[in-house]
Each structure stands twice: as structure tokens, then as C-alpha cells.
Amino acid sequence: MSIIKNVPTFLWLLVAYVFARYAVVDLDMPSLDMNHIVWARDELFFLTTKDIFLIVGVVCLYIEIYKAATGGEETVPETIISFMVAVGYLTIFLVWDKAHNSAFFILMLMSFLDAIGGFVISNYAARRDISVS
């Protein structure tokens, strides 16, 4: 197994978020402008940087749950690392004033959901493999 594969994707997302905040990125800044598309009632539509982080967080959650379901015995250390990453999210949320926003709170909840869900899914998959054989 490669070291990069064992590192939870939420850790990479946390590093990207901290880097963006240190680079003084405005999370409410429009990142993806879709005003050239004609919407119903001529509404303006754009995704902010905060929205992009949340979309990437949902993709990361799917990747982590998939890795837990298809992993096997090697997911135990990865689950422990996932819990440590979730505690890191909680610590940063409580300590750092730039992380006091709804987007980071939702990312923190997704990280905890990854850790708990990965543990439950990997245990279920392990029991299922034992009972079949």
C-alpha cells in the first residue's frame, strides 16, 4: 500500500483550507461564474469558494466511504488516522478564528462522519467476509 493512499482525503482538504485561509482567500468570493447561462427569471448564479470546498468535501466523503467498504484489514490504521484528522478539524474549529464559519463546521461534521462511517462499514465488511467463509 502506498502512503498517499492511506492518508484520508479529508486531511488533504484540511491542508488546502488552511492554506487558502493563510493566503487570505475570501470564502464568499465568486469562484465559478455561470452568469453567461440563461437561467429562469434571469437570476445570477455563481459558486463561491466556500461552496467549492463543500462540494469537494462531499466527494471526499464518498471516496473515504468507498475505500472503507472495499478495503479490508488495512482500513483499521486508516480509520484511526481518520479519527485523528476529525479531532484536528475540531481543534482547529475551536482554536482558530478564521475557521469559525459554517463551511468549516460542515467539513468538520463530514470528517467525523467519515471516521465513524468508515469504522462501521469496515467492521460490517469484515464480519460479512468471516461469516461467508
N, C-alpha and C. Protein backbone atom coordinates (compact mmCIF):
# COMPACT_ATOMS: atom_id res chain seq x y z
N MET A 1 0.83 -1.19 0.00
CA MET A 1 0.00 0.00 0.00
C MET A 1 0.86 1.25 0.00
N SER A 2 0.46 2.18 -0.75
CA SER A 2 1.19 3.44 -0.80
C SER A 2 0.77 4.33 0.37
N ILE A 3 1.69 5.15 0.83
CA ILE A 3 1.39 6.05 1.95
C ILE A 3 0.31 7.05 1.55
N ILE A 4 0.35 7.53 0.32
CA ILE A 4 -0.63 8.53 -0.14
C ILE A 4 -2.03 7.93 -0.11
N LYS A 5 -2.17 6.66 -0.44
CA LYS A 5 -3.48 6.02 -0.46
C LYS A 5 -4.04 5.87 0.95
N ASN A 6 -3.18 5.68 1.94
CA ASN A 6 -3.64 5.51 3.31
C ASN A 6 -4.04 6.82 3.98
N VAL A 7 -3.58 7.94 3.46
CA VAL A 7 -3.91 9.24 4.06
C VAL A 7 -5.33 9.60 3.66
N PRO A 8 -6.19 9.92 4.64
CA PRO A 8 -7.56 10.29 4.31
C PRO A 8 -7.62 11.57 3.45
N THR A 9 -8.56 11.58 2.53
CA THR A 9 -8.69 12.75 1.65
C THR A 9 -9.10 13.99 2.44
N PHE A 10 -9.73 13.81 3.58
CA PHE A 10 -10.10 14.97 4.40
C PHE A 10 -8.87 15.69 4.95
N LEU A 11 -7.76 14.97 5.10
CA LEU A 11 -6.52 15.63 5.52
C LEU A 11 -6.04 16.57 4.42
N TRP A 12 -6.10 16.12 3.17
CA TRP A 12 -5.70 16.99 2.06
C TRP A 12 -6.63 18.20 1.96
N LEU A 13 -7.92 17.98 2.21
CA LEU A 13 -8.87 19.09 2.18
C LEU A 13 -8.59 20.08 3.31
N LEU A 14 -8.22 19.56 4.49
CA LEU A 14 -7.87 20.44 5.61
C LEU A 14 -6.63 21.27 5.28
N VAL A 15 -5.64 20.64 4.69
CA VAL A 15 -4.43 21.36 4.30
C VAL A 15 -4.76 22.44 3.28
N ALA A 16 -5.61 22.13 2.31
CA ALA A 16 -6.00 23.12 1.30
C ALA A 16 -6.76 24.27 1.93
N TYR A 17 -7.65 23.97 2.89
CA TYR A 17 -8.42 25.02 3.55
C TYR A 17 -7.51 25.94 4.36
N VAL A 18 -6.61 25.35 5.14
CA VAL A 18 -5.69 26.17 5.94
C VAL A 18 -4.80 27.01 5.04
N PHE A 19 -4.33 26.43 3.94
CA PHE A 19 -3.51 27.20 3.00
C PHE A 19 -4.31 28.35 2.40
N ALA A 20 -5.55 28.09 2.04
CA ALA A 20 -6.39 29.15 1.46
C ALA A 20 -6.64 30.27 2.46
N ARG A 21 -6.84 29.92 3.71
CA ARG A 21 -7.10 30.95 4.72
C ARG A 21 -5.83 31.73 5.06
N TYR A 22 -4.67 31.07 5.03
CA TYR A 22 -3.42 31.79 5.25
C TYR A 22 -3.08 32.68 4.06
N ALA A 23 -3.56 32.29 2.88
CA ALA A 23 -3.34 33.11 1.69
C ALA A 23 -4.39 34.22 1.60
N VAL A 24 -5.18 34.38 2.63
CA VAL A 24 -6.22 35.40 2.77
C VAL A 24 -7.21 35.33 1.62
N VAL A 25 -7.72 34.12 1.38
CA VAL A 25 -8.76 33.93 0.37
C VAL A 25 -10.10 34.23 0.99
N ASP A 26 -10.88 35.05 0.31
CA ASP A 26 -12.24 35.36 0.76
C ASP A 26 -13.14 34.19 0.37
N LEU A 27 -13.71 33.50 1.35
CA LEU A 27 -14.53 32.33 1.06
C LEU A 27 -15.84 32.67 0.39
N ASP A 28 -16.27 33.92 0.46
CA ASP A 28 -17.51 34.33 -0.20
C ASP A 28 -17.25 34.89 -1.60
N MET A 29 -16.01 34.77 -2.06
CA MET A 29 -15.64 35.26 -3.38
C MET A 29 -16.20 34.32 -4.45
N PRO A 30 -16.84 34.87 -5.49
CA PRO A 30 -17.32 34.00 -6.58
C PRO A 30 -16.16 33.31 -7.27
N SER A 31 -16.19 31.98 -7.29
CA SER A 31 -15.11 31.22 -7.90
C SER A 31 -15.49 30.71 -9.28
N LEU A 32 -16.72 30.32 -9.44
CA LEU A 32 -17.18 29.77 -10.70
C LEU A 32 -18.40 30.58 -11.14
N ASP A 33 -18.20 31.46 -12.09
CA ASP A 33 -19.25 32.37 -12.53
C ASP A 33 -20.02 31.73 -13.69
N MET A 34 -21.30 31.58 -13.52
CA MET A 34 -22.14 30.99 -14.56
C MET A 34 -23.19 31.98 -15.04
N ASN A 35 -22.86 33.24 -15.04
CA ASN A 35 -23.83 34.26 -15.44
C ASN A 35 -24.10 34.25 -16.94
N HIS A 36 -23.22 33.61 -17.73
CA HIS A 36 -23.44 33.57 -19.17
C HIS A 36 -24.54 32.58 -19.56
N ILE A 37 -24.94 31.71 -18.63
CA ILE A 37 -26.02 30.76 -18.88
C ILE A 37 -27.34 31.45 -18.56
N VAL A 38 -28.32 31.30 -19.43
CA VAL A 38 -29.63 31.92 -19.20
C VAL A 38 -30.40 31.04 -18.22
N TRP A 39 -30.67 31.58 -17.06
CA TRP A 39 -31.40 30.87 -16.02
C TRP A 39 -32.84 31.35 -16.02
N ALA A 40 -33.70 30.63 -15.36
CA ALA A 40 -35.08 31.07 -15.21
C ALA A 40 -35.11 32.38 -14.46
N ARG A 41 -35.87 33.30 -14.93
CA ARG A 41 -36.04 34.63 -14.32
C ARG A 41 -34.75 35.45 -14.32
N ASP A 42 -33.83 35.16 -15.18
CA ASP A 42 -32.59 35.92 -15.30
C ASP A 42 -31.84 36.07 -13.98
N GLU A 43 -31.77 35.00 -13.21
CA GLU A 43 -31.08 35.05 -11.93
C GLU A 43 -29.58 34.88 -12.13
N LEU A 44 -28.81 35.49 -11.25
CA LEU A 44 -27.36 35.32 -11.27
C LEU A 44 -27.02 34.04 -10.51
N PHE A 45 -26.11 33.27 -11.06
CA PHE A 45 -25.71 32.03 -10.41
C PHE A 45 -24.20 31.94 -10.42
N PHE A 46 -23.63 31.74 -9.25
CA PHE A 46 -22.19 31.52 -9.14
C PHE A 46 -21.92 30.69 -7.90
N LEU A 47 -20.82 30.00 -7.93
CA LEU A 47 -20.39 29.22 -6.78
C LEU A 47 -19.27 29.98 -6.09
N THR A 48 -19.37 30.09 -4.79
CA THR A 48 -18.32 30.76 -4.02
C THR A 48 -17.23 29.75 -3.67
N THR A 49 -16.14 30.26 -3.16
CA THR A 49 -15.04 29.38 -2.73
C THR A 49 -15.52 28.44 -1.63
N LYS A 50 -16.37 28.95 -0.75
CA LYS A 50 -16.94 28.13 0.32
C LYS A 50 -17.75 26.97 -0.26
N ASP A 51 -18.53 27.25 -1.30
CA ASP A 51 -19.32 26.19 -1.94
C ASP A 51 -18.42 25.13 -2.58
N ILE A 52 -17.32 25.57 -3.18
CA ILE A 52 -16.39 24.63 -3.81
C ILE A 52 -15.78 23.71 -2.75
N PHE A 53 -15.42 24.27 -1.58
CA PHE A 53 -14.90 23.43 -0.51
C PHE A 53 -15.93 22.40 -0.07
N LEU A 54 -17.20 22.78 0.02
CA LEU A 54 -18.24 21.84 0.43
C LEU A 54 -18.46 20.75 -0.62
N ILE A 55 -18.42 21.12 -1.89
CA ILE A 55 -18.58 20.13 -2.95
C ILE A 55 -17.43 19.14 -2.92
N VAL A 56 -16.21 19.63 -2.76
CA VAL A 56 -15.05 18.75 -2.67
C VAL A 56 -15.15 17.87 -1.42
N GLY A 57 -15.70 18.42 -0.32
CA GLY A 57 -15.90 17.64 0.90
C GLY A 57 -16.85 16.48 0.69
N VAL A 58 -17.91 16.68 -0.07
CA VAL A 58 -18.86 15.60 -0.36
C VAL A 58 -18.17 14.52 -1.20
N VAL A 59 -17.37 14.93 -2.18
CA VAL A 59 -16.63 13.96 -2.99
C VAL A 59 -15.64 13.19 -2.12
N CYS A 60 -14.96 13.90 -1.21
CA CYS A 60 -14.02 13.23 -0.29
C CYS A 60 -14.73 12.22 0.59
N LEU A 61 -15.93 12.58 1.06
CA LEU A 61 -16.69 11.65 1.90
C LEU A 61 -17.04 10.39 1.13
N TYR A 62 -17.45 10.54 -0.11
CA TYR A 62 -17.76 9.37 -0.93
C TYR A 62 -16.52 8.51 -1.13
N ILE A 63 -15.39 9.13 -1.43
CA ILE A 63 -14.15 8.38 -1.65
C ILE A 63 -13.76 7.61 -0.39
N GLU A 64 -13.86 8.24 0.77
CA GLU A 64 -13.46 7.59 2.01
C GLU A 64 -14.40 6.43 2.37
N ILE A 65 -15.69 6.59 2.17
CA ILE A 65 -16.63 5.50 2.46
C ILE A 65 -16.40 4.35 1.48
N TYR A 66 -16.10 4.67 0.23
CA TYR A 66 -15.80 3.63 -0.74
C TYR A 66 -14.52 2.87 -0.36
N LYS A 67 -13.49 3.60 0.07
CA LYS A 67 -12.25 2.95 0.48
C LYS A 67 -12.49 2.05 1.69
N ALA A 68 -13.35 2.48 2.62
CA ALA A 68 -13.63 1.66 3.79
C ALA A 68 -14.39 0.39 3.41
N ALA A 69 -15.29 0.51 2.44
CA ALA A 69 -16.11 -0.65 2.05
C ALA A 69 -15.32 -1.66 1.24
N THR A 70 -14.32 -1.21 0.51
CA THR A 70 -13.58 -2.13 -0.35
C THR A 70 -12.20 -2.46 0.18
N GLY A 71 -11.86 -1.92 1.35
CA GLY A 71 -10.51 -2.09 1.88
C GLY A 71 -10.21 -3.46 2.41
N GLY A 72 -10.60 -3.73 3.62
CA GLY A 72 -10.26 -4.99 4.27
C GLY A 72 -9.56 -4.70 5.58
N GLU A 73 -8.59 -5.53 5.91
CA GLU A 73 -7.88 -5.39 7.18
C GLU A 73 -7.04 -4.13 7.26
N GLU A 74 -6.57 -3.61 6.13
CA GLU A 74 -5.70 -2.44 6.16
C GLU A 74 -6.46 -1.15 6.45
N THR A 75 -7.79 -1.20 6.57
CA THR A 75 -8.55 0.01 6.85
C THR A 75 -8.54 0.38 8.33
N VAL A 76 -8.09 -0.50 9.20
CA VAL A 76 -8.05 -0.18 10.63
C VAL A 76 -7.10 0.98 10.92
N PRO A 77 -5.85 0.96 10.44
CA PRO A 77 -5.00 2.13 10.67
C PRO A 77 -5.55 3.39 9.99
N GLU A 78 -6.16 3.21 8.83
CA GLU A 78 -6.74 4.36 8.14
C GLU A 78 -7.91 4.95 8.93
N THR A 79 -8.69 4.12 9.59
CA THR A 79 -9.79 4.61 10.43
C THR A 79 -9.25 5.39 11.62
N ILE A 80 -8.17 4.91 12.21
CA ILE A 80 -7.54 5.64 13.32
C ILE A 80 -7.03 6.99 12.85
N ILE A 81 -6.42 7.02 11.67
CA ILE A 81 -5.95 8.30 11.13
C ILE A 81 -7.14 9.21 10.83
N SER A 82 -8.24 8.64 10.35
CA SER A 82 -9.44 9.45 10.09
C SER A 82 -9.97 10.09 11.36
N PHE A 83 -9.95 9.34 12.47
CA PHE A 83 -10.37 9.92 13.75
C PHE A 83 -9.44 11.05 14.17
N MET A 84 -8.15 10.86 13.95
CA MET A 84 -7.19 11.91 14.31
C MET A 84 -7.40 13.15 13.45
N VAL A 85 -7.71 12.96 12.17
CA VAL A 85 -7.99 14.10 11.29
C VAL A 85 -9.27 14.81 11.75
N ALA A 86 -10.29 14.05 12.15
CA ALA A 86 -11.53 14.66 12.62
C ALA A 86 -11.29 15.46 13.90
N VAL A 87 -10.46 14.93 14.79
CA VAL A 87 -10.12 15.69 16.01
C VAL A 87 -9.32 16.94 15.63
N GLY A 88 -8.48 16.84 14.60
CA GLY A 88 -7.77 18.01 14.11
C GLY A 88 -8.72 19.08 13.60
N TYR A 89 -9.76 18.67 12.85
CA TYR A 89 -10.78 19.61 12.41
C TYR A 89 -11.43 20.29 13.61
N LEU A 90 -11.81 19.50 14.62
CA LEU A 90 -12.45 20.05 15.81
C LEU A 90 -11.53 21.03 16.53
N THR A 91 -10.27 20.67 16.67
CA THR A 91 -9.32 21.54 17.35
C THR A 91 -9.15 22.86 16.60
N ILE A 92 -8.98 22.78 15.29
CA ILE A 92 -8.83 24.00 14.50
C ILE A 92 -10.09 24.85 14.57
N PHE A 93 -11.26 24.20 14.53
CA PHE A 93 -12.51 24.95 14.62
C PHE A 93 -12.63 25.70 15.94
N LEU A 94 -12.20 25.07 17.03
CA LEU A 94 -12.31 25.69 18.34
C LEU A 94 -11.25 26.75 18.60
N VAL A 95 -10.07 26.60 17.99
CA VAL A 95 -8.94 27.47 18.32
C VAL A 95 -8.75 28.61 17.33
N TRP A 96 -8.93 28.35 16.05
CA TRP A 96 -8.56 29.32 15.02
C TRP A 96 -9.76 30.16 14.61
N ASP A 97 -9.67 31.47 14.73
CA ASP A 97 -10.80 32.34 14.43
C ASP A 97 -11.17 32.35 12.95
N LYS A 98 -10.24 32.04 12.05
CA LYS A 98 -10.55 32.02 10.62
C LYS A 98 -11.35 30.78 10.22
N ALA A 99 -11.47 29.83 11.13
CA ALA A 99 -12.24 28.62 10.84
C ALA A 99 -13.63 28.66 11.47
N HIS A 100 -14.00 29.78 12.02
CA HIS A 100 -15.33 29.91 12.63
C HIS A 100 -16.35 30.33 11.58
N ASN A 101 -16.71 29.40 10.73
CA ASN A 101 -17.76 29.65 9.75
C ASN A 101 -18.51 28.36 9.48
N SER A 102 -19.63 28.48 8.81
CA SER A 102 -20.49 27.32 8.59
C SER A 102 -19.84 26.30 7.66
N ALA A 103 -19.06 26.74 6.68
CA ALA A 103 -18.44 25.80 5.75
C ALA A 103 -17.46 24.89 6.48
N PHE A 104 -16.62 25.45 7.32
CA PHE A 104 -15.65 24.63 8.04
C PHE A 104 -16.37 23.71 9.03
N PHE A 105 -17.44 24.19 9.65
CA PHE A 105 -18.21 23.35 10.57
C PHE A 105 -18.80 22.15 9.84
N ILE A 106 -19.32 22.37 8.64
CA ILE A 106 -19.88 21.27 7.86
C ILE A 106 -18.79 20.30 7.43
N LEU A 107 -17.61 20.83 7.05
CA LEU A 107 -16.49 19.96 6.71
C LEU A 107 -16.05 19.14 7.92
N MET A 108 -16.09 19.75 9.10
CA MET A 108 -15.74 19.02 10.32
C MET A 108 -16.74 17.89 10.57
N LEU A 109 -18.02 18.15 10.39
CA LEU A 109 -19.03 17.11 10.56
C LEU A 109 -18.84 15.99 9.55
N MET A 110 -18.49 16.35 8.31
CA MET A 110 -18.23 15.33 7.29
C MET A 110 -17.02 14.48 7.67
N SER A 111 -16.03 15.10 8.26
CA SER A 111 -14.83 14.37 8.68
C SER A 111 -15.18 13.37 9.78
N PHE A 112 -16.00 13.79 10.73
CA PHE A 112 -16.44 12.86 11.78
C PHE A 112 -17.31 11.76 11.19
N LEU A 113 -18.15 12.11 10.23
CA LEU A 113 -18.98 11.11 9.57
C LEU A 113 -18.11 10.11 8.82
N ASP A 114 -17.03 10.58 8.22
CA ASP A 114 -16.08 9.70 7.55
C ASP A 114 -15.45 8.73 8.55
N ALA A 115 -15.02 9.24 9.68
CA ALA A 115 -14.36 8.38 10.67
C ALA A 115 -15.33 7.34 11.25
N ILE A 116 -16.51 7.78 11.62
CA ILE A 116 -17.49 6.86 12.21
C ILE A 116 -18.04 5.91 11.16
N GLY A 117 -18.39 6.45 9.99
CA GLY A 117 -18.92 5.62 8.92
C GLY A 117 -17.91 4.62 8.40
N GLY A 118 -16.65 5.06 8.28
CA GLY A 118 -15.61 4.13 7.85
C GLY A 118 -15.41 2.99 8.82
N PHE A 119 -15.49 3.30 10.12
CA PHE A 119 -15.37 2.27 11.15
C PHE A 119 -16.52 1.27 11.05
N VAL A 120 -17.73 1.77 10.94
CA VAL A 120 -18.91 0.89 10.88
C VAL A 120 -18.89 0.05 9.61
N ILE A 121 -18.60 0.68 8.49
CA ILE A 121 -18.61 -0.04 7.21
C ILE A 121 -17.51 -1.09 7.16
N SER A 122 -16.30 -0.74 7.62
CA SER A 122 -15.21 -1.72 7.58
C SER A 122 -15.49 -2.88 8.53
N ASN A 123 -16.11 -2.61 9.68
CA ASN A 123 -16.48 -3.71 10.59
C ASN A 123 -17.56 -4.59 9.98
N TYR A 124 -18.52 -3.98 9.33
CA TYR A 124 -19.58 -4.76 8.68
C TYR A 124 -18.99 -5.61 7.56
N ALA A 125 -18.10 -5.02 6.77
CA ALA A 125 -17.49 -5.78 5.67
C ALA A 125 -16.64 -6.92 6.23
N ALA A 126 -15.92 -6.69 7.33
CA ALA A 126 -15.10 -7.76 7.92
C ALA A 126 -15.97 -8.89 8.44
N ARG A 127 -17.08 -8.56 9.09
CA ARG A 127 -17.99 -9.61 9.61
C ARG A 127 -18.63 -10.37 8.48
N ARG A 128 -18.96 -9.68 7.42
CA ARG A 128 -19.58 -10.34 6.29
C ARG A 128 -18.60 -11.32 5.64
N ASP A 129 -17.34 -10.95 5.53
CA ASP A 129 -16.33 -11.85 4.95
C ASP A 129 -16.10 -13.06 5.83
N ILE A 130 -16.14 -12.88 7.15
CA ILE A 130 -15.93 -14.00 8.08
C ILE A 130 -17.10 -14.98 8.02
N SER A 131 -18.33 -14.46 7.97
CA SER A 131 -19.49 -15.34 8.01
C SER A 131 -19.67 -16.09 6.69
N VAL A 132 -19.19 -15.55 5.57
CA VAL A 132 -19.33 -16.21 4.29
C VAL A 132 -18.39 -17.39 4.18
N SER A 133 -17.18 -17.25 4.70
CA SER A 133 -16.19 -18.33 4.54
C SER A 133 -16.32 -19.43 5.55
